């Protein structure tokens, strides 16, 4: 990852620690395998794989797997300062090839008002999840962390964000619905609703200012 320049602060708090840890996720798995007659080598391999899945940030690619499909979408930065994306905590069981969250997002910088196109290669018939962090261009401060997923059904080609809530806005002649996850506090002005992401513009995610906080908007319609 390239050296990051000094941050442009929006008045947010320091980076929050992630909830998920490799120890919590791996311990029971290794014990269960050992108890079921698996070899020590097998248990060790699974432990290493789970620890690798817990890395944050991460840039690992995965083996080519089938069946899979290409998921194309966009993310927009509606903050007045650049943001850097950091992705991790994903399992290679869920992805195929080089188009993993870590390869696609980690280290990418999105300028204010910029929309970045991306393409992921999820496997079919599994739940595809990863963690994303949004940071100032120097890595500090952190604007927040979110757990994202492409649902196994994915009938509407949207990315789900854990813990987000429905927010209804008013736009001319119709109502707008988005799912919004508030993250860290900010002094940035509120992002106008017209600049939120939208289903019909194929923008799945938007980093916005909402209610005095940096927020991640998703599943907008």
C-alpha atoms as a PDB file:
ATOM      1  CA  UNK A   1       0.000   0.000   0.000  1.00  0.00           C
ATOM      2  CA  UNK A   2       1.378   3.445  -0.853  1.00  0.00           C
ATOM      3  CA  UNK A   3       2.335   5.945   1.825  1.00  0.00           C
ATOM      4  CA  UNK A   4      -0.712   7.980   2.770  1.00  0.00           C
ATOM      5  CA  UNK A   5      -0.540  11.796   2.930  1.00  0.00           C
ATOM      6  CA  UNK A   6      -1.599  13.752   6.000  1.00  0.00           C
ATOM      7  CA  UNK A   7      -5.354  13.491   6.768  1.00  0.00           C
ATOM      8  CA  UNK A   8      -7.954  16.139   6.117  1.00  0.00           C
ATOM      9  CA  UNK A   9     -10.034  15.896   9.276  1.00  0.00           C
ATOM     10  CA  UNK A  10     -13.794  16.246   9.474  1.00  0.00           C
ATOM     11  CA  UNK A  11     -13.848  16.356  13.251  1.00  0.00           C
ATOM     12  CA  UNK A  12     -14.194  12.633  13.794  1.00  0.00           C
ATOM     13  CA  UNK A  13     -12.963  10.410  16.608  1.00  0.00           C
ATOM     14  CA  UNK A  14      -9.997   8.036  16.482  1.00  0.00           C
ATOM     15  CA  UNK A  15     -10.204   4.718  14.696  1.00  0.00           C
ATOM     16  CA  UNK A  16     -12.584   2.296  16.372  1.00  0.00           C
ATOM     17  CA  UNK A  17     -11.358  -1.201  17.129  1.00  0.00           C
ATOM     18  CA  UNK A  18     -12.971  -3.999  15.150  1.00  0.00           C
ATOM     19  CA  UNK A  19     -15.292  -6.386  16.946  1.00  0.00           C
ATOM     20  CA  UNK A  20     -14.201  -9.504  15.123  1.00  0.00           C
ATOM     21  CA  UNK A  21     -10.947 -11.141  16.179  1.00  0.00           C
ATOM     22  CA  UNK A  22      -9.120 -14.103  14.766  1.00  0.00           C
ATOM     23  CA  UNK A  23      -8.903 -15.786  18.181  1.00  0.00           C
ATOM     24  CA  UNK A  24     -12.650 -15.691  18.772  1.00  0.00           C
ATOM     25  CA  UNK A  25     -13.405 -17.095  15.341  1.00  0.00           C
ATOM     26  CA  UNK A  26     -10.755 -19.787  15.176  1.00  0.00           C
ATOM     27  CA  UNK A  27     -10.589 -21.411  18.588  1.00  0.00           C
ATOM     28  CA  UNK A  28     -13.875 -23.351  18.523  1.00  0.00           C
ATOM     29  CA  UNK A  29     -13.273 -24.451  14.922  1.00  0.00           C
ATOM     30  CA  UNK A  30      -9.917 -26.035  15.670  1.00  0.00           C
ATOM     31  CA  UNK A  31     -11.237 -27.749  18.828  1.00  0.00           C
ATOM     32  CA  UNK A  32     -14.277 -29.119  17.035  1.00  0.00           C
ATOM     33  CA  UNK A  33     -12.181 -30.595  14.233  1.00  0.00           C
ATOM     34  CA  UNK A  34      -9.786 -32.234  16.656  1.00  0.00           C
ATOM     35  CA  UNK A  35     -12.708 -33.772  18.534  1.00  0.00           C
ATOM     36  CA  UNK A  36     -14.168 -35.199  15.316  1.00  0.00           C
ATOM     37  CA  UNK A  37     -11.073 -37.205  14.479  1.00  0.00           C
ATOM     38  CA  UNK A  38      -9.433 -34.659  12.161  1.00  0.00           C
ATOM     39  CA  UNK A  39      -5.666 -34.622  12.198  1.00  0.00           C
ATOM     40  CA  UNK A  40      -3.680 -31.931  13.968  1.00  0.00           C
ATOM     41  CA  UNK A  41      -2.509 -30.777  10.548  1.00  0.00           C
ATOM     42  CA  UNK A  42      -6.112 -30.364   9.340  1.00  0.00           C
ATOM     43  CA  UNK A  43      -7.072 -28.389  12.441  1.00  0.00           C
ATOM     44  CA  UNK A  44      -4.002 -26.176  12.067  1.00  0.00           C
ATOM     45  CA  UNK A  45      -4.807 -25.503   8.406  1.00  0.00           C
ATOM     46  CA  UNK A  46      -8.358 -24.446   9.209  1.00  0.00           C
ATOM     47  CA  UNK A  47      -7.097 -22.205  12.023  1.00  0.00           C
ATOM     48  CA  UNK A  48      -4.651 -20.467   9.680  1.00  0.00           C
ATOM     49  CA  UNK A  49      -7.366 -19.986   7.044  1.00  0.00           C
ATOM     50  CA  UNK A  50      -9.780 -18.474   9.573  1.00  0.00           C
ATOM     51  CA  UNK A  51      -7.063 -16.148  10.898  1.00  0.00           C
ATOM     52  CA  UNK A  52      -6.312 -15.055   7.342  1.00  0.00           C
ATOM     53  CA  UNK A  53     -10.015 -14.356   6.824  1.00  0.00           C
ATOM     54  CA  UNK A  54      -9.898 -12.075   9.873  1.00  0.00           C
ATOM     55  CA  UNK A  55      -7.082  -9.858   8.590  1.00  0.00           C
ATOM     56  CA  UNK A  56      -7.866  -6.156   8.355  1.00  0.00           C
ATOM     57  CA  UNK A  57      -6.973  -4.588   5.992  1.00  0.00           C
ATOM     58  CA  UNK A  58      -6.292  -7.375   3.502  1.00  0.00           C
ATOM     59  CA  UNK A  59      -5.341  -7.676  -0.153  1.00  0.00           C
ATOM     60  CA  UNK A  60      -5.401 -11.432  -0.724  1.00  0.00           C
ATOM     61  CA  UNK A  61      -6.666 -12.988  -3.935  1.00  0.00           C
ATOM     62  CA  UNK A  62      -8.418 -16.364  -3.904  1.00  0.00           C
ATOM     63  CA  UNK A  63      -8.326 -19.502  -6.054  1.00  0.00           C
ATOM     64  CA  UNK A  64     -10.498 -19.527  -9.162  1.00  0.00           C
ATOM     65  CA  UNK A  65     -13.790 -21.167  -8.220  1.00  0.00           C
ATOM     66  CA  UNK A  66     -16.979 -22.057 -10.066  1.00  0.00           C
ATOM     67  CA  UNK A  67     -19.780 -21.186 -10.301  1.00  0.00           C
ATOM     68  CA  UNK A  68     -19.215 -17.467  -9.807  1.00  0.00           C
ATOM     69  CA  UNK A  69     -20.427 -14.236 -11.366  1.00  0.00           C
ATOM     70  CA  UNK A  70     -19.212 -10.675 -11.891  1.00  0.00           C
ATOM     71  CA  UNK A  71     -20.882  -8.075  -9.691  1.00  0.00           C
ATOM     72  CA  UNK A  72     -20.419  -4.541 -11.061  1.00  0.00           C
ATOM     73  CA  UNK A  73     -21.421  -1.400  -9.212  1.00  0.00           C
ATOM     74  CA  UNK A  74     -20.209   1.984  -7.936  1.00  0.00           C
ATOM     75  CA  UNK A  75     -19.408   3.796  -4.699  1.00  0.00           C
ATOM     76  CA  UNK A  76     -19.563   7.586  -4.312  1.00  0.00           C
ATOM     77  CA  UNK A  77     -17.813   9.869  -1.814  1.00  0.00           C
ATOM     78  CA  UNK A  78     -20.036  12.806  -0.868  1.00  0.00           C
ATOM     79  CA  UNK A  79     -17.798  14.087   1.937  1.00  0.00           C
ATOM     80  CA  UNK A  80     -15.785  17.301   1.454  1.00  0.00           C
ATOM     81  CA  UNK A  81     -12.497  15.397   1.953  1.00  0.00           C
ATOM     82  CA  UNK A  82     -10.897  12.372   0.251  1.00  0.00           C
ATOM     83  CA  UNK A  83     -11.422   8.942   1.781  1.00  0.00           C
ATOM     84  CA  UNK A  84      -9.335   5.808   1.576  1.00  0.00           C
ATOM     85  CA  UNK A  85     -10.994   2.388   1.509  1.00  0.00           C
ATOM     86  CA  UNK A  86      -9.667  -0.552   3.497  1.00  0.00           C
ATOM     87  CA  UNK A  87     -11.258  -3.993   3.147  1.00  0.00           C
ATOM     88  CA  UNK A  88     -10.692  -7.306   4.881  1.00  0.00           C
ATOM     89  CA  UNK A  89     -12.192 -10.111   6.969  1.00  0.00           C
ATOM     90  CA  UNK A  90     -13.413 -12.117   3.993  1.00  0.00           C
ATOM     91  CA  UNK A  91     -13.272 -15.856   3.355  1.00  0.00           C
ATOM     92  CA  UNK A  92     -11.954 -17.315   0.093  1.00  0.00           C
ATOM     93  CA  UNK A  93     -14.844 -19.776   0.163  1.00  0.00           C
ATOM     94  CA  UNK A  94     -17.018 -16.818  -0.893  1.00  0.00           C
ATOM     95  CA  UNK A  95     -14.918 -15.360  -3.735  1.00  0.00           C
ATOM     96  CA  UNK A  96     -13.201 -16.384  -6.944  1.00  0.00           C
ATOM     97  CA  UNK A  97      -9.922 -15.163  -8.359  1.00  0.00           C
ATOM     98  CA  UNK A  98      -8.402 -11.709  -7.996  1.00  0.00           C
ATOM     99  CA  UNK A  99     -11.643  -9.729  -7.739  1.00  0.00           C
ATOM    100  CA  UNK A 100     -11.918 -10.052  -3.963  1.00  0.00           C
ATOM    101  CA  UNK A 101     -12.903  -7.174  -1.649  1.00  0.00           C
ATOM    102  CA  UNK A 102      -9.289  -6.726  -0.559  1.00  0.00           C
ATOM    103  CA  UNK A 103      -7.952  -6.601  -4.109  1.00  0.00           C
ATOM    104  CA  UNK A 104     -10.735  -4.330  -5.327  1.00  0.00           C
ATOM    105  CA  UNK A 105     -11.039  -1.839  -2.442  1.00  0.00           C
ATOM    106  CA  UNK A 106      -7.972  -1.766  -0.169  1.00  0.00           C
ATOM    107  CA  UNK A 107      -5.853   1.320  -0.723  1.00  0.00           C
ATOM    108  CA  UNK A 108      -8.236   2.990  -3.178  1.00  0.00           C
ATOM    109  CA  UNK A 109      -8.711   6.740  -2.653  1.00  0.00           C
ATOM    110  CA  UNK A 110     -11.953   8.459  -3.660  1.00  0.00           C
ATOM    111  CA  UNK A 111     -11.907  12.232  -4.006  1.00  0.00           C
ATOM    112  CA  UNK A 112     -14.813  14.458  -2.863  1.00  0.00           C
ATOM    113  CA  UNK A 113     -17.762  14.029  -5.221  1.00  0.00           C
ATOM    114  CA  UNK A 114     -16.046  11.198  -7.100  1.00  0.00           C
ATOM    115  CA  UNK A 115     -17.807   7.971  -8.061  1.00  0.00           C
ATOM    116  CA  UNK A 116     -15.630   4.866  -8.282  1.00  0.00           C
ATOM    117  CA  UNK A 117     -16.701   1.869 -10.361  1.00  0.00           C
ATOM    118  CA  UNK A 118     -15.767  -1.596  -9.121  1.00  0.00           C
ATOM    119  CA  UNK A 119     -16.218  -5.259 -10.016  1.00  0.00           C
ATOM    120  CA  UNK A 120     -16.252  -8.185  -7.569  1.00  0.00           C
ATOM    121  CA  UNK A 121     -16.319 -11.901  -8.394  1.00  0.00           C
ATOM    122  CA  UNK A 122     -18.542 -13.605  -5.784  1.00  0.00           C
ATOM    123  CA  UNK A 123     -19.207 -17.325  -5.775  1.00  0.00           C
ATOM    124  CA  UNK A 124     -22.788 -18.391  -6.312  1.00  0.00           C
ATOM    125  CA  UNK A 125     -24.961 -19.956  -3.612  1.00  0.00           C
ATOM    126  CA  UNK A 126     -23.001 -18.650  -0.629  1.00  0.00           C
ATOM    127  CA  UNK A 127     -23.268 -15.588   1.608  1.00  0.00           C
ATOM    128  CA  UNK A 128     -20.493 -13.185   0.588  1.00  0.00           C
ATOM    129  CA  UNK A 129     -19.395 -10.845   3.381  1.00  0.00           C
ATOM    130  CA  UNK A 130     -16.487  -8.545   4.158  1.00  0.00           C
ATOM    131  CA  UNK A 131     -15.540  -5.605   6.371  1.00  0.00           C
ATOM    132  CA  UNK A 132     -14.876  -2.127   5.028  1.00  0.00           C
ATOM    133  CA  UNK A 133     -13.254   0.803   6.787  1.00  0.00           C
ATOM    134  CA  UNK A 134     -13.349   4.402   5.578  1.00  0.00           C
ATOM    135  CA  UNK A 135     -10.371   6.483   6.670  1.00  0.00           C
ATOM    136  CA  UNK A 136      -8.744   9.829   6.076  1.00  0.00           C
ATOM    137  CA  UNK A 137      -6.097   9.697   3.392  1.00  0.00           C
ATOM    138  CA  UNK A 138      -3.347   9.235   6.014  1.00  0.00           C
ATOM    139  CA  UNK A 139      -5.166   6.392   7.751  1.00  0.00           C
ATOM    140  CA  UNK A 140      -6.175   8.569  10.700  1.00  0.00           C
ATOM    141  CA  UNK A 141      -8.839   9.467  11.590  1.00  0.00           C
ATOM    142  CA  UNK A 142     -11.229   6.629  10.834  1.00  0.00           C
ATOM    143  CA  UNK A 143     -14.648   7.666   9.637  1.00  0.00           C
ATOM    144  CA  UNK A 144     -16.079   4.273  10.532  1.00  0.00           C
ATOM    145  CA  UNK A 145     -16.232   0.544   9.860  1.00  0.00           C
ATOM    146  CA  UNK A 146     -19.059  -1.488   8.333  1.00  0.00           C
ATOM    147  CA  UNK A 147     -19.831  -5.138   7.621  1.00  0.00           C
ATOM    148  CA  UNK A 148     -21.053  -5.569   4.043  1.00  0.00           C
ATOM    149  CA  UNK A 149     -22.485  -8.520   2.161  1.00  0.00           C
ATOM    150  CA  UNK A 150     -23.917  -9.587  -1.163  1.00  0.00           C
ATOM    151  CA  UNK A 151     -26.847 -11.728  -0.145  1.00  0.00           C
ATOM    152  CA  UNK A 152     -27.034 -15.275  -1.483  1.00  0.00           C
ATOM    153  CA  UNK A 153     -30.236 -14.324  -3.321  1.00  0.00           C
ATOM    154  CA  UNK A 154     -28.979 -10.935  -4.561  1.00  0.00           C
ATOM    155  CA  UNK A 155     -32.190 -10.533  -6.540  1.00  0.00           C
ATOM    156  CA  UNK A 156     -31.906  -6.747  -6.622  1.00  0.00           C
ATOM    157  CA  UNK A 157     -28.133  -6.517  -7.113  1.00  0.00           C
ATOM    158  CA  UNK A 158     -27.652  -4.522  -3.934  1.00  0.00           C
ATOM    159  CA  UNK A 159     -25.040  -4.586  -1.205  1.00  0.00           C
ATOM    160  CA  UNK A 160     -26.428  -4.989   2.309  1.00  0.00           C
ATOM    161  CA  UNK A 161     -24.847  -3.179   5.284  1.00  0.00           C
ATOM    162  CA  UNK A 162     -25.258  -4.786   8.703  1.00  0.00           C
ATOM    163  CA  UNK A 163     -26.854  -2.555  11.339  1.00  0.00           C
ATOM    164  CA  UNK A 164     -28.237  -0.003   8.884  1.00  0.00           C
ATOM    165  CA  UNK A 165     -31.758   1.370   9.249  1.00  0.00           C
ATOM    166  CA  UNK A 166     -34.321   2.585   6.739  1.00  0.00           C
ATOM    167  CA  UNK A 167     -34.387   6.314   6.109  1.00  0.00           C
ATOM    168  CA  UNK A 168     -37.153   7.901   4.072  1.00  0.00           C
ATOM    169  CA  UNK A 169     -36.451  11.191   2.361  1.00  0.00           C
ATOM    170  CA  UNK A 170     -38.610  13.443   0.267  1.00  0.00           C
ATOM    171  CA  UNK A 171     -37.819  14.071  -3.372  1.00  0.00           C
ATOM    172  CA  UNK A 172     -40.014  15.694  -6.022  1.00  0.00           C
ATOM    173  CA  UNK A 173     -43.121  13.622  -6.783  1.00  0.00           C
ATOM    174  CA  UNK A 174     -41.933  10.576  -4.841  1.00  0.00           C
ATOM    175  CA  UNK A 175     -40.338   9.203  -1.696  1.00  0.00           C
ATOM    176  CA  UNK A 176     -36.737   8.009  -1.542  1.00  0.00           C
ATOM    177  CA  UNK A 177     -35.723   5.082   0.656  1.00  0.00           C
ATOM    178  CA  UNK A 178     -32.162   4.319   1.713  1.00  0.00           C
ATOM    179  CA  UNK A 179     -30.590   2.120   4.347  1.00  0.00           C
ATOM    180  CA  UNK A 180     -28.173   4.240   6.384  1.00  0.00           C
ATOM    181  CA  UNK A 181     -25.467   3.227   8.859  1.00  0.00           C
ATOM    182  CA  UNK A 182     -24.278   6.179  11.011  1.00  0.00           C
ATOM    183  CA  UNK A 183     -20.581   5.999  11.853  1.00  0.00           C
ATOM    184  CA  UNK A 184     -18.282   8.664  13.350  1.00  0.00           C
ATOM    185  CA  UNK A 185     -19.215  12.255  14.154  1.00  0.00           C
ATOM    186  CA  UNK A 186     -18.423  14.963  11.625  1.00  0.00           C
ATOM    187  CA  UNK A 187     -18.707  18.696  11.204  1.00  0.00           C
ATOM    188  CA  UNK A 188     -19.276  18.340   7.460  1.00  0.00           C
ATOM    189  CA  UNK A 189     -22.543  19.773   6.110  1.00  0.00           C
ATOM    190  CA  UNK A 190     -25.371  17.316   5.499  1.00  0.00           C
ATOM    191  CA  UNK A 191     -25.281  15.666   2.085  1.00  0.00           C
ATOM    192  CA  UNK A 192     -28.320  16.683  -0.005  1.00  0.00           C
ATOM    193  CA  UNK A 193     -30.636  13.786  -0.736  1.00  0.00           C
ATOM    194  CA  UNK A 194     -30.140  14.290  -4.472  1.00  0.00           C
ATOM    195  CA  UNK A 195     -26.480  13.282  -4.016  1.00  0.00           C
ATOM    196  CA  UNK A 196     -27.209  10.016  -2.195  1.00  0.00           C
ATOM    197  CA  UNK A 197     -26.548   6.777  -4.099  1.00  0.00           C
ATOM    198  CA  UNK A 198     -29.329   5.420  -6.274  1.00  0.00           C
ATOM    199  CA  UNK A 199     -30.486   2.083  -7.633  1.00  0.00           C
ATOM    200  CA  UNK A 200     -31.207   3.460 -11.091  1.00  0.00           C
ATOM    201  CA  UNK A 201     -27.744   5.014 -11.404  1.00  0.00           C
ATOM    202  CA  UNK A 202     -26.126   1.692 -10.423  1.00  0.00           C
ATOM    203  CA  UNK A 203     -24.482   3.310  -7.381  1.00  0.00           C
ATOM    204  CA  UNK A 204     -24.787   0.776  -4.554  1.00  0.00           C
ATOM    205  CA  UNK A 205     -22.884   2.635  -1.831  1.00  0.00           C
ATOM    206  CA  UNK A 206     -22.444   6.228  -0.777  1.00  0.00           C
ATOM    207  CA  UNK A 207     -20.314   7.774   1.978  1.00  0.00           C
ATOM    208  CA  UNK A 208     -22.390  10.752   3.080  1.00  0.00           C
ATOM    209  CA  UNK A 209     -22.845  13.221   5.921  1.00  0.00           C
ATOM    210  CA  UNK A 210     -26.137  12.572   7.713  1.00  0.00           C
ATOM    211  CA  UNK A 211     -27.352  13.766  11.115  1.00  0.00           C
ATOM    212  CA  UNK A 212     -23.944  15.064  12.148  1.00  0.00           C
ATOM    213  CA  UNK A 213     -22.208  11.777  11.342  1.00  0.00           C
ATOM    214  CA  UNK A 214     -20.343  10.177   8.504  1.00  0.00           C
ATOM    215  CA  UNK A 215     -22.744   7.521   7.246  1.00  0.00           C
ATOM    216  CA  UNK A 216     -22.795   4.697   4.723  1.00  0.00           C
ATOM    217  CA  UNK A 217     -25.898   4.717   2.540  1.00  0.00           C
ATOM    218  CA  UNK A 218     -26.938   1.558   0.695  1.00  0.00           C
ATOM    219  CA  UNK A 219     -29.896  -0.151  -0.956  1.00  0.00           C
ATOM    220  CA  UNK A 220     -31.332   3.168  -2.088  1.00  0.00           C
ATOM    221  CA  UNK A 221     -34.408   3.253  -4.307  1.00  0.00           C
END
